Amino acid sequence: MAMGSMPGSSGYLNLYPERKMTFFSNTYVLGLTVIAGIGGLLFGYDTGVISGALLYIKDDFEAVASSSFLQETIVSMALVGAMFGAATGGWINDVFGRKKATLLADVVFAVGSVAMAAAPDAYVLIIGRLLVGLGVGVASVTAPVYIAEASPSEIRGGLVSTNVLMITGGQFLSYLVNLAFTEVPGTWRWMLGVSGVPAVVQFGLMLYLPESPRWLYMKGDKTKAIAVLSKIYAPARLEDEIEYLSSQLAEEYQRKKTSRYMDVFKSKELRLAFLAGAGLQAFQQFTGINTVMYYSPTIVQLAGFRSNQLALLLSLVVAAMNAAGTVVGIYLIDHVGRKKLAVASLVGVVASLVILSGAFFAESADASSGIYGWVAVLGLALYIAFFSPGMGPVPWTVNSEIYPEAYRGICGGMSATVNWVSNLIVAQTFLSIADSIGTGPTFLILAGIAVVAIIFVLAFVPETKGLTFEEVEKIWIERAWGSAGPGPGRQVREGRGLLNDDVGA
């Protein structure tokens, strides 16, 4: 049976269960995922390391110690870089390929790491943070797309979520490194400089990895594309995958000739897809994850634990829970589905933020009681336990699979830019808002945003579990025009095996 006429991804694999792949059944795909995911490790390490390094940067630079704004700028300048890196990363991915985009990100990140480690003052440090951010921004677009385009549909969610595991693993590693260098001369310089090592390692390993097979096919290099696909799929399924890829990308190739950034807003289907993808990215940040990851040692100290070492140790526990929760998410995302996982995650986030807020309200009313500090730590732990399996991986996974091939780089880059802009807003304002209205009210505001996020997911995000890229595209056609509108229509949709609940909200 040719895949071009198959009854949808799930129906095809039900007919041929022996062709279905599991997460660990192909070491080549898994190895490719892990190496590409080092970009996520860089992302996570940079996110986590600054929280501990900032404690010691303040000791060395009096100007930083006396200015909350300068502290926020040191943290957020990497986000400014990431914002521009993500905005251009989509174009770099589409023109030069996923592999070259990754190599470029590694070089920029390594240069930024050296600049940070050698910084003679806060301003050179800020420049280094900007360069590191540029590398992270390009990597944040590239890694999920590269992994998704090399992944069988039935395990795509878990493989893309492995990149998020690398992010959380990088955060955990950063706290370990922070603790390791607390008593070493140079403290924060080592903490920030070590971040260049994974970039150099990934650069070397990526030289031996292939380009994305879908990108190669789109660029007309079918021989190389088939060679890569042959390492992913067994012969029985390979022929079907090639035929399916050929039939689907013929239309995409024509569309690619005219694809532009503004086209995203001219097409109703693309607007709906971008709304879902960018909305998820925005809510991931505005529900407060990076207030926890950037400022967790500071939050712990605000809760009454004044020792730098103790603050870092408690933050290490939070980071470990984040990584462990992501492992759970890798399993759940292809079993429970993206939408249910996101909603359940957000419900827990709301409850956790209310607990965290209550702890700070109570602490401000009775500063003599140390119990509220532990309640705040509990709130942080619960927040991570609920956030990490769902709202951690779901936005990146959904954004790697909801856009047509011709727009995947552009839309992925735009959506990642939304993530970094949102991240920047939160990081640049958290301490100032907490200083102005109090830490308790600040976390209560985040809880309210999480409630809005639940409504958004229920209304605008479809379930994409187990669907091929083309099946996902038909969801947006159905939502935009209905079964009788432009596009393949109901008969084609049903012929592809898409059920009514697949195209519902």
Protein backbone atom coordinates (compact mmCIF):
# COMPACT_ATOMS: atom_id res chain seq x y z
CA MET A 1 0.00 0.00 0.00
CA ALA A 2 1.49 3.33 -1.03
CA MET A 3 1.59 5.87 1.69
CA GLY A 4 0.12 8.51 -0.59
CA SER A 5 -3.16 6.58 -0.41
CA MET A 6 -2.91 5.43 3.16
CA PRO A 7 -5.82 6.14 5.55
CA GLY A 8 -3.85 8.48 7.79
CA SER A 9 -0.80 7.82 9.91
CA SER A 10 -2.59 5.99 12.71
CA GLY A 11 -4.66 3.92 10.28
CA TYR A 12 -1.59 2.98 8.25
CA LEU A 13 0.27 1.77 11.33
CA ASN A 14 -2.78 -0.16 12.52
CA LEU A 15 -2.73 -2.00 9.21
CA TYR A 16 1.01 -2.64 9.50
CA PRO A 17 1.78 -2.74 13.24
CA GLU A 18 5.17 -4.35 12.57
CA ARG A 19 6.28 -1.10 10.95
CA LYS A 20 5.52 1.02 14.00
CA MET A 21 8.59 2.39 15.74
CA THR A 22 9.16 2.85 19.44
CA PHE A 23 11.26 5.46 21.19
CA PHE A 24 14.32 3.21 21.55
CA SER A 25 13.90 1.01 18.45
CA ASN A 26 16.22 3.06 16.21
CA THR A 27 19.52 4.11 17.78
CA TYR A 28 20.37 6.25 14.74
CA VAL A 29 17.31 8.49 15.23
CA LEU A 30 17.89 8.59 18.98
CA GLY A 31 21.54 9.56 18.51
CA LEU A 32 20.61 12.26 16.01
CA THR A 33 18.06 13.58 18.51
CA VAL A 34 20.53 13.72 21.38
CA ILE A 35 23.25 15.48 19.34
CA ALA A 36 20.80 18.03 17.93
CA GLY A 37 19.44 18.42 21.45
CA ILE A 38 22.77 19.77 22.70
CA GLY A 39 21.37 23.06 21.40
CA GLY A 40 18.70 22.62 24.05
CA LEU A 41 21.42 21.91 26.61
CA LEU A 42 23.03 25.28 25.76
CA PHE A 43 19.62 26.92 26.08
CA GLY A 44 19.04 25.36 29.50
CA TYR A 45 22.55 25.92 30.83
CA ASP A 46 22.43 29.62 29.97
CA THR A 47 19.00 29.91 31.59
CA GLY A 48 20.13 28.32 34.83
CA VAL A 49 23.74 29.41 35.22
CA ILE A 50 23.05 33.13 35.40
CA SER A 51 20.84 32.70 38.47
CA GLY A 52 23.78 31.47 40.53
CA ALA A 53 26.47 33.52 38.80
CA LEU A 54 24.53 36.71 39.51
CA LEU A 55 25.03 36.21 43.26
CA TYR A 56 28.81 36.45 42.77
CA ILE A 57 28.79 39.03 39.98
CA LYS A 58 27.20 41.39 42.52
CA ASP A 59 30.15 40.72 44.86
CA ASP A 60 32.68 41.72 42.18
CA PHE A 61 30.87 44.65 40.59
CA GLU A 62 29.47 47.19 43.03
CA ALA A 63 27.43 48.86 40.29
CA VAL A 64 25.56 45.60 39.74
CA ALA A 65 24.96 45.06 43.45
CA SER A 66 23.38 48.49 43.82
CA SER A 67 21.08 48.31 40.78
CA SER A 68 18.17 45.92 40.26
CA PHE A 69 17.91 47.28 36.71
CA LEU A 70 21.51 46.32 35.92
CA GLN A 71 20.95 42.86 37.38
CA GLU A 72 17.86 42.42 35.21
CA THR A 73 19.80 43.68 32.17
CA ILE A 74 22.59 41.12 32.68
CA VAL A 75 19.96 38.39 32.85
CA SER A 76 17.78 39.68 30.04
CA MET A 77 20.42 40.73 27.51
CA ALA A 78 20.78 37.08 26.54
CA LEU A 79 17.05 37.13 25.89
CA VAL A 80 17.43 40.17 23.61
CA GLY A 81 20.03 38.21 21.66
CA ALA A 82 17.81 35.13 21.62
CA MET A 83 14.93 37.21 20.32
CA PHE A 84 16.96 38.37 17.30
CA GLY A 85 18.53 34.92 16.89
CA ALA A 86 15.11 33.29 16.75
CA ALA A 87 13.75 35.95 14.39
CA THR A 88 16.55 35.32 11.87
CA GLY A 89 16.88 31.63 12.68
CA GLY A 90 13.82 30.67 10.66
CA TRP A 91 15.25 32.31 7.55
CA ILE A 92 18.69 30.76 8.16
CA ASN A 93 17.06 27.34 8.52
CA ASP A 94 15.09 27.65 5.31
CA VAL A 95 17.92 29.03 3.17
CA PHE A 96 21.01 27.22 4.49
CA GLY A 97 19.50 24.18 6.19
CA ARG A 98 19.10 22.94 9.75
CA LYS A 99 22.65 21.60 10.00
CA LYS A 100 24.44 24.81 9.01
CA ALA A 101 22.15 26.81 11.29
CA THR A 102 23.20 24.61 14.21
CA LEU A 103 26.91 25.00 13.40
CA LEU A 104 26.53 28.77 13.22
CA ALA A 105 24.75 28.85 16.57
CA ASP A 106 27.58 26.85 18.17
CA VAL A 107 30.25 29.26 16.94
CA VAL A 108 28.40 32.36 18.15
CA PHE A 109 27.64 30.75 21.52
CA ALA A 110 31.28 29.74 22.07
CA VAL A 111 32.53 33.26 21.29
CA GLY A 112 29.98 34.71 23.72
CA SER A 113 31.07 32.31 26.47
CA VAL A 114 34.69 33.44 26.17
CA ALA A 115 33.63 37.10 26.26
CA MET A 116 31.63 36.54 29.46
CA ALA A 117 34.40 34.65 31.22
CA ALA A 118 36.96 37.38 30.43
CA ALA A 119 34.68 40.38 31.05
CA PRO A 120 36.51 43.20 32.90
CA ASP A 121 33.27 45.00 33.75
CA ALA A 122 29.51 44.60 33.65
CA TYR A 123 29.22 46.11 30.18
CA VAL A 124 31.51 43.59 28.43
CA LEU A 125 29.63 40.90 30.34
CA ILE A 126 26.40 42.23 28.85
CA ILE A 127 27.91 42.03 25.33
CA GLY A 128 28.92 38.42 25.98
CA ARG A 129 25.39 37.68 27.17
CA LEU A 130 24.04 39.19 23.94
CA LEU A 131 26.24 36.90 21.80
CA VAL A 132 25.30 33.82 23.81
CA GLY A 133 21.66 34.78 23.38
CA LEU A 134 22.03 35.01 19.60
CA GLY A 135 23.35 31.43 19.53
CA VAL A 136 20.62 30.18 21.84
CA GLY A 137 17.93 31.89 19.75
CA VAL A 138 19.02 30.21 16.52
CA ALA A 139 19.32 26.85 18.31
CA SER A 140 15.85 27.20 19.85
CA VAL A 141 14.35 27.33 16.35
CA THR A 142 16.62 24.77 14.74
CA ALA A 143 16.76 21.82 17.15
CA PRO A 144 13.00 21.08 17.40
CA VAL A 145 12.49 21.38 13.64
CA TYR A 146 15.53 19.24 12.81
CA ILE A 147 14.42 16.51 15.21
CA ALA A 148 10.78 16.64 14.09
CA GLU A 149 11.65 16.34 10.40
CA ALA A 150 13.73 13.22 11.03
CA SER A 151 11.17 11.60 13.37
CA PRO A 152 8.50 9.00 12.57
CA SER A 153 5.10 10.54 13.38
CA GLU A 154 4.25 7.98 16.07
CA ILE A 155 7.22 9.00 18.26
CA ARG A 156 7.74 12.57 17.08
CA GLY A 157 6.38 14.11 20.27
CA GLY A 158 8.69 12.11 22.51
CA LEU A 159 11.75 12.81 20.36
CA VAL A 160 11.10 16.55 20.16
CA SER A 161 10.47 16.54 23.90
CA THR A 162 13.94 15.05 24.33
CA ASN A 163 15.21 18.46 23.26
CA VAL A 164 13.24 19.94 26.17
CA LEU A 165 14.82 17.30 28.43
CA MET A 166 18.18 18.61 27.27
CA ILE A 167 17.03 22.11 28.21
CA THR A 168 16.04 21.05 31.71
CA GLY A 169 19.15 18.87 31.94
CA GLY A 170 21.22 21.92 31.03
CA GLN A 171 19.54 23.87 33.81
CA PHE A 172 20.33 21.10 36.30
CA LEU A 173 23.92 20.92 35.06
CA SER A 174 24.27 24.68 35.49
CA TYR A 175 23.32 24.45 39.15
CA LEU A 176 25.83 21.64 39.67
CA VAL A 177 28.52 23.77 38.03
CA ASN A 178 27.48 26.75 40.13
CA LEU A 179 27.88 24.72 43.31
CA ALA A 180 31.20 23.30 42.14
CA PHE A 181 32.70 26.76 41.63
CA THR A 182 31.36 28.54 44.70
CA GLU A 183 34.72 28.22 46.50
CA VAL A 184 36.96 28.54 43.42
CA PRO A 185 38.69 31.86 42.64
CA GLY A 186 36.89 33.47 39.74
CA THR A 187 33.56 31.81 40.68
CA TRP A 188 31.14 33.33 38.14
CA ARG A 189 33.78 33.50 35.38
CA TRP A 190 34.11 29.71 35.49
CA MET A 191 30.35 29.29 35.74
CA LEU A 192 29.77 31.30 32.56
CA GLY A 193 32.89 30.22 30.65
CA VAL A 194 32.22 26.47 30.96
CA SER A 195 29.08 26.96 28.86
CA GLY A 196 31.23 27.09 25.72
CA VAL A 197 32.27 23.44 26.09
CA PRO A 198 28.96 21.85 24.94
CA ALA A 199 28.88 24.22 21.96
CA VAL A 200 32.32 23.01 20.82
CA VAL A 201 31.27 19.37 21.36
CA GLN A 202 28.08 19.80 19.35
CA PHE A 203 29.94 21.55 16.53
CA GLY A 204 32.29 18.57 16.19
CA LEU A 205 29.51 15.98 16.30
CA MET A 206 27.19 17.85 13.93
CA LEU A 207 29.83 17.69 11.21
CA TYR A 208 29.07 13.94 10.99
CA LEU A 209 25.28 14.26 11.01
CA PRO A 210 23.16 14.60 7.84
CA GLU A 211 20.91 17.46 6.87
CA SER A 212 17.17 17.12 7.51
CA PRO A 213 15.74 14.71 4.89
CA ARG A 214 12.66 16.89 4.33
CA TRP A 215 14.81 19.98 3.76
CA LEU A 216 17.04 18.04 1.35
CA TYR A 217 14.00 16.78 -0.54
CA MET A 218 12.55 20.28 -0.73
CA LYS A 219 15.84 21.56 -2.16
CA GLY A 220 15.80 18.85 -4.84
CA ASP A 221 18.59 16.70 -3.40
CA LYS A 222 16.49 13.53 -3.40
CA THR A 223 19.44 11.12 -3.40
CA LYS A 224 20.79 12.43 -0.10
CA ALA A 225 17.29 12.66 1.36
CA ILE A 226 16.59 9.00 0.56
CA ALA A 227 19.97 7.99 1.98
CA VAL A 228 19.03 9.63 5.30
CA LEU A 229 15.53 8.14 5.29
CA SER A 230 16.98 4.67 4.71
CA LYS A 231 18.77 4.96 8.06
CA ILE A 232 15.52 5.86 9.79
CA TYR A 233 13.01 3.44 8.23
CA ALA A 234 13.13 -0.26 7.43
CA PRO A 235 12.82 -1.16 3.71
CA ALA A 236 9.15 -2.14 4.04
CA ARG A 237 8.20 1.33 5.22
CA LEU A 238 10.88 3.32 3.39
CA GLU A 239 9.20 3.09 -0.01
CA ASP A 240 5.92 4.36 1.42
CA GLU A 241 7.63 7.24 3.22
CA ILE A 242 9.46 8.30 0.05
CA GLU A 243 6.31 8.16 -2.08
CA TYR A 244 4.34 10.07 0.53
CA LEU A 245 7.07 12.67 0.93
CA SER A 246 7.28 13.14 -2.83
CA SER A 247 3.54 13.63 -3.30
CA GLN A 248 3.19 16.04 -0.39
CA LEU A 249 6.27 18.15 -1.04
CA ALA A 250 5.46 18.73 -4.73
CA GLU A 251 2.80 21.25 -3.69
CA GLU A 252 5.02 22.63 -0.94
CA TYR A 253 7.80 23.29 -3.44
CA GLN A 254 5.53 25.53 -5.51
CA ARG A 255 4.36 27.33 -2.40
CA LYS A 256 7.95 27.77 -1.24
CA LYS A 257 8.74 29.94 -4.25
CA THR A 258 6.46 32.66 -2.96
CA SER A 259 6.58 32.16 0.82
CA ARG A 260 7.21 35.36 2.78
CA TYR A 261 6.83 36.40 6.38
CA MET A 262 3.67 38.40 5.62
CA ASP A 263 2.10 35.38 3.92
CA VAL A 264 1.59 33.95 7.40
CA PHE A 265 -0.96 36.68 8.07
CA LYS A 266 -2.60 36.55 4.63
CA SER A 267 -3.59 32.88 4.88
CA LYS A 268 -6.41 32.08 7.30
CA GLU A 269 -5.06 28.57 7.92
CA LEU A 270 -1.58 29.88 8.73
CA ARG A 271 -2.99 32.59 10.97
CA LEU A 272 -4.84 30.00 13.03
CA ALA A 273 -1.77 27.78 13.25
CA PHE A 274 0.47 30.68 14.21
CA LEU A 275 -2.03 31.88 16.82
CA ALA A 276 -1.96 28.45 18.48
CA GLY A 277 1.80 28.06 18.28
CA ALA A 278 2.76 31.60 19.29
CA GLY A 279 0.11 31.66 22.00
CA LEU A 280 1.53 28.53 23.59
CA GLN A 281 5.02 30.02 23.51
CA ALA A 282 3.83 33.26 25.10
CA PHE A 283 1.89 31.51 27.86
CA GLN A 284 4.85 29.24 28.59
CA GLN A 285 6.75 32.35 29.65
CA PHE A 286 3.98 34.49 31.13
CA THR A 287 3.01 31.69 33.51
CA GLY A 288 6.36 32.31 35.15
CA ILE A 289 8.74 29.43 34.37
CA ASN A 290 11.78 31.61 33.93
CA THR A 291 11.11 33.70 37.00
CA VAL A 292 11.68 30.38 38.74
CA MET A 293 14.72 29.33 36.68
CA TYR A 294 16.46 32.72 36.48
CA TYR A 295 15.69 33.88 39.97
CA SER A 296 15.12 30.72 42.03
CA PRO A 297 18.15 31.39 44.30
CA THR A 298 16.93 34.98 44.73
CA ILE A 299 13.38 33.76 45.45
CA VAL A 300 14.75 31.32 48.03
CA GLN A 301 16.67 34.17 49.67
CA LEU A 302 13.55 36.37 49.62
CA ALA A 303 11.81 33.51 51.45
CA GLY A 304 14.33 33.80 54.28
CA PHE A 305 17.28 31.56 53.32
CA ARG A 306 20.17 34.02 53.18
CA SER A 307 23.14 31.75 52.48
CA ASN A 308 24.28 31.73 48.82
CA GLN A 309 25.27 28.06 49.06
CA LEU A 310 21.94 27.01 50.61
CA ALA A 311 20.03 29.02 48.02
CA LEU A 312 21.93 27.29 45.22
CA LEU A 313 21.43 23.86 46.81
CA LEU A 314 17.67 24.31 47.12
CA SER A 315 17.58 25.62 43.55
CA LEU A 316 19.47 22.50 42.46
CA VAL A 317 16.62 20.40 43.85
CA VAL A 318 14.15 22.49 41.84
CA ALA A 319 16.23 21.99 38.67
CA ALA A 320 16.43 18.22 39.28
CA MET A 321 12.65 18.07 39.56
CA ASN A 322 12.39 20.02 36.32
CA ALA A 323 14.53 17.46 34.48
CA ALA A 324 12.70 14.51 36.06
CA GLY A 325 9.32 15.99 35.15
CA THR A 326 10.42 16.37 31.53
CA VAL A 327 11.22 12.64 31.40
CA VAL A 328 7.62 12.00 32.46
CA GLY A 329 6.48 14.42 29.74
CA ILE A 330 8.42 12.51 27.06
CA TYR A 331 6.31 9.44 27.85
CA LEU A 332 2.99 11.25 28.27
CA ILE A 333 3.11 13.50 25.22
CA ASP A 334 2.69 10.61 22.74
CA HIS A 335 0.31 8.68 25.00
CA VAL A 336 -1.96 11.28 26.62
CA GLY A 337 -1.57 13.85 23.86
CA ARG A 338 -0.41 17.44 23.67
CA LYS A 339 -3.65 19.21 24.57
CA LYS A 340 -4.69 17.22 27.63
CA LEU A 341 -1.14 17.33 28.95
CA ALA A 342 -0.98 21.12 28.61
CA VAL A 343 -4.32 21.66 30.36
CA ALA A 344 -3.48 19.32 33.26
CA SER A 345 -0.09 21.01 33.60
CA LEU A 346 -1.63 24.49 33.76
CA VAL A 347 -4.19 23.49 36.39
CA GLY A 348 -1.31 22.37 38.63
CA VAL A 349 0.62 25.56 37.84
CA VAL A 350 -2.31 27.70 39.01
CA ALA A 351 -2.51 25.81 42.33
CA SER A 352 1.27 26.01 42.85
CA LEU A 353 1.44 29.74 42.18
CA VAL A 354 -1.39 30.34 44.65
CA ILE A 355 0.57 28.40 47.30
CA LEU A 356 3.74 30.33 46.46
CA SER A 357 1.89 33.64 46.62
CA GLY A 358 0.27 32.71 49.93
CA ALA A 359 3.65 31.86 51.45
CA PHE A 360 4.99 35.32 50.64
CA PHE A 361 1.84 37.07 51.85
CA ALA A 362 2.09 35.16 55.14
CA GLU A 363 5.84 35.76 55.43
CA SER A 364 5.38 39.52 55.04
CA ALA A 365 2.75 39.47 57.79
CA ASP A 366 4.83 37.33 60.17
CA ALA A 367 8.50 37.61 59.26
CA SER A 368 9.56 35.89 62.47
CA SER A 369 8.21 32.49 61.39
CA GLY A 370 10.61 30.44 59.28
CA ILE A 371 7.90 28.00 58.22
CA TYR A 372 6.75 30.25 55.39
CA GLY A 373 10.15 30.00 53.76
CA TRP A 374 9.70 26.25 53.52
CA VAL A 375 6.16 26.70 52.18
CA ALA A 376 7.65 28.92 49.46
CA VAL A 377 10.18 26.21 48.59
CA LEU A 378 7.32 23.68 48.48
CA GLY A 379 5.43 26.00 46.14
CA LEU A 380 8.47 26.21 43.85
CA ALA A 381 8.82 22.42 43.84
CA LEU A 382 5.13 21.85 43.08
CA TYR A 383 5.26 24.46 40.33
CA ILE A 384 8.10 22.63 38.61
CA ALA A 385 6.45 19.22 39.16
CA PHE A 386 3.35 20.38 37.29
CA PHE A 387 4.96 22.64 34.68
CA SER A 388 7.80 20.42 33.48
CA PRO A 389 5.85 17.44 32.04
CA GLY A 390 3.35 19.63 30.19
CA MET A 391 3.95 23.30 29.49
CA GLY A 392 7.67 22.61 29.25
CA PRO A 393 7.64 20.31 26.17
CA VAL A 394 4.20 20.93 24.65
CA PRO A 395 4.79 24.41 23.13
CA TRP A 396 8.04 23.35 21.43
CA THR A 397 6.56 20.07 20.21
CA VAL A 398 3.39 21.65 18.83
CA ASN A 399 5.37 24.38 17.06
CA SER A 400 7.61 21.81 15.39
CA GLU A 401 4.64 20.06 13.76
CA ILE A 402 1.75 22.47 13.07
CA TYR A 403 3.18 24.44 10.13
CA PRO A 404 3.45 23.41 6.45
CA GLU A 405 6.96 22.57 5.26
CA ALA A 406 7.21 25.76 3.21
CA TYR A 407 6.57 27.87 6.31
CA ARG A 408 8.02 25.69 9.06
CA GLY A 409 11.22 27.67 9.35
CA ILE A 410 9.53 31.07 9.08
CA CYS A 411 6.66 30.30 11.47
CA GLY A 412 8.91 28.39 13.84
CA GLY A 413 11.26 31.37 13.99
CA MET A 414 8.43 33.85 14.51
CA SER A 415 6.90 31.71 17.23
CA ALA A 416 10.23 31.24 18.98
CA THR A 417 10.68 35.00 18.81
CA VAL A 418 7.37 35.40 20.65
CA ASN A 419 8.75 33.04 23.30
CA TRP A 420 11.92 35.07 23.72
CA VAL A 421 10.12 38.42 23.73
CA SER A 422 7.78 37.11 26.42
CA ASN A 423 10.76 35.69 28.28
CA LEU A 424 12.48 39.08 28.07
CA ILE A 425 9.45 40.93 29.43
CA VAL A 426 9.15 38.58 32.39
CA ALA A 427 12.87 38.54 33.19
CA GLN A 428 13.27 42.31 32.83
CA THR A 429 10.30 43.16 35.05
CA PHE A 430 10.01 40.42 37.70
CA LEU A 431 12.33 41.91 40.34
CA SER A 432 11.05 45.45 39.73
CA ILE A 433 7.39 44.40 40.01
CA ALA A 434 8.16 42.33 43.12
CA ASP A 435 9.93 45.36 44.64
CA SER A 436 6.97 47.56 43.77
CA ILE A 437 3.91 45.50 44.79
CA GLY A 438 5.44 42.58 46.69
CA THR A 439 6.46 39.05 45.78
CA GLY A 440 3.12 37.54 46.84
CA PRO A 441 0.97 39.72 44.57
CA THR A 442 3.44 39.16 41.70
CA PHE A 443 2.98 35.38 41.86
CA LEU A 444 -0.79 35.87 42.14
CA ILE A 445 -0.74 37.79 38.85
CA LEU A 446 1.10 34.84 37.25
CA ALA A 447 -1.60 32.49 38.57
CA GLY A 448 -4.26 34.62 36.88
CA ILE A 449 -2.36 34.46 33.60
CA ALA A 450 -2.22 30.66 33.91
CA VAL A 451 -6.02 30.57 34.19
CA VAL A 452 -6.25 32.53 30.91
CA ALA A 453 -3.76 30.05 29.40
CA ILE A 454 -6.08 27.13 30.21
CA ILE A 455 -8.93 28.84 28.36
CA PHE A 456 -6.63 29.54 25.40
CA VAL A 457 -5.48 25.92 25.07
CA LEU A 458 -9.04 24.62 25.23
CA ALA A 459 -10.20 27.09 22.58
CA PHE A 460 -7.35 27.30 20.07
CA VAL A 461 -4.94 24.35 20.32
CA PRO A 462 -5.85 21.13 18.44
CA GLU A 463 -4.65 17.65 19.31
CA THR A 464 -1.80 16.59 17.00
CA LYS A 465 -0.72 13.34 18.64
CA GLY A 466 0.37 10.74 16.09
CA LEU A 467 -0.60 12.79 13.02
CA THR A 468 1.62 13.35 9.99
CA PHE A 469 2.56 16.90 9.08
CA GLU A 470 0.04 16.84 6.24
CA GLU A 471 -2.77 15.60 8.50
CA VAL A 472 -2.07 18.46 10.87
CA GLU A 473 -2.24 20.92 7.97
CA LYS A 474 -5.71 19.65 7.11
CA ILE A 475 -6.85 20.48 10.65
CA TRP A 476 -6.21 24.15 9.93
CA ILE A 477 -7.95 23.97 6.55
CA GLU A 478 -10.98 22.45 8.27
CA ARG A 479 -10.95 25.08 11.02
CA ALA A 480 -10.50 27.93 8.59
CA TRP A 481 -13.03 26.96 5.95
CA GLY A 482 -15.10 24.03 7.16
CA SER A 483 -15.58 20.82 5.20
CA ALA A 484 -17.12 22.65 2.24
CA GLY A 485 -14.57 25.43 1.96
CA PRO A 486 -11.27 25.66 0.04
CA GLY A 487 -8.87 22.77 0.38
CA PRO A 488 -9.35 19.02 0.20
CA GLY A 489 -12.82 18.98 1.78
CA ARG A 490 -14.54 16.45 3.98
CA GLN A 491 -14.28 13.44 1.66
CA VAL A 492 -10.53 13.80 1.31
CA ARG A 493 -10.20 14.42 5.02
CA GLU A 494 -12.18 11.34 5.91
CA GLY A 495 -10.29 9.36 3.28
CA ARG A 496 -7.10 10.27 5.11
CA GLY A 497 -8.57 8.83 8.27
CA LEU A 498 -9.03 12.09 10.23
CA LEU A 499 -11.86 11.72 12.72
CA ASN A 500 -14.14 14.57 13.75
CA ASP A 501 -12.55 14.79 17.18
CA ASP A 502 -9.15 15.21 15.51
CA VAL A 503 -10.24 18.50 14.02
CA GLY A 504 -12.14 19.76 17.02
CA ALA A 505 -10.80 22.25 19.48
